């Protein structure tokens, strides 16, 4: 069995590589440019919502107060009349990109730690590069991609965004797996 401590270099290096490649994918390529649509009459919608001072958080509109309310004629009519939406309200002002980037880097390290842990328990130190690649790649893919599908299944996030993000996850998983295969202790 390979110790988790002996895998610190592939964990850190794969985290940095995924961080850099994901930055290129999101900022330097047009791949995610059209992921979110502009709401019609955006200025009017913002002007109408601004006085309500909706606190940051996730909202469902309309939202039933109970299961019984969900079946009530009044709630069903509100659903038919629309708009029906899941709404994520963020704090006003510029997005704190530095904090988001730090959190993303930490997340890539967490994925690396789980990939290292599972692989170190499943294969020995004499494992082939391909065996390490398969275990790390599958684990990293789960960490980067599988939970994204819930957003399209339950919250109607556009499937194209989910598919593109899953393809990103395949890229990140392959990079992670390649680095682990290369630096796996023998």
Foldseek 3Di string as FASTA:
>chain_A
DDDLVLCPVLLLVLLVVLLVVVCCVPPVDCLCVPQDDQDPPNVVVCVVCVVVCDDFDKDWPPDAPDPVSCPDPVNVVSVVVDDTAIDGDDDDDDDPVVVVSVVSSVLSSVLLSQLSVQLPVVDDLPDALVSQLVSQLVSQLCSQADVLVCCCVPHVRDVVSNVSSSVSSNVSSNSSSNSCSVSRHD
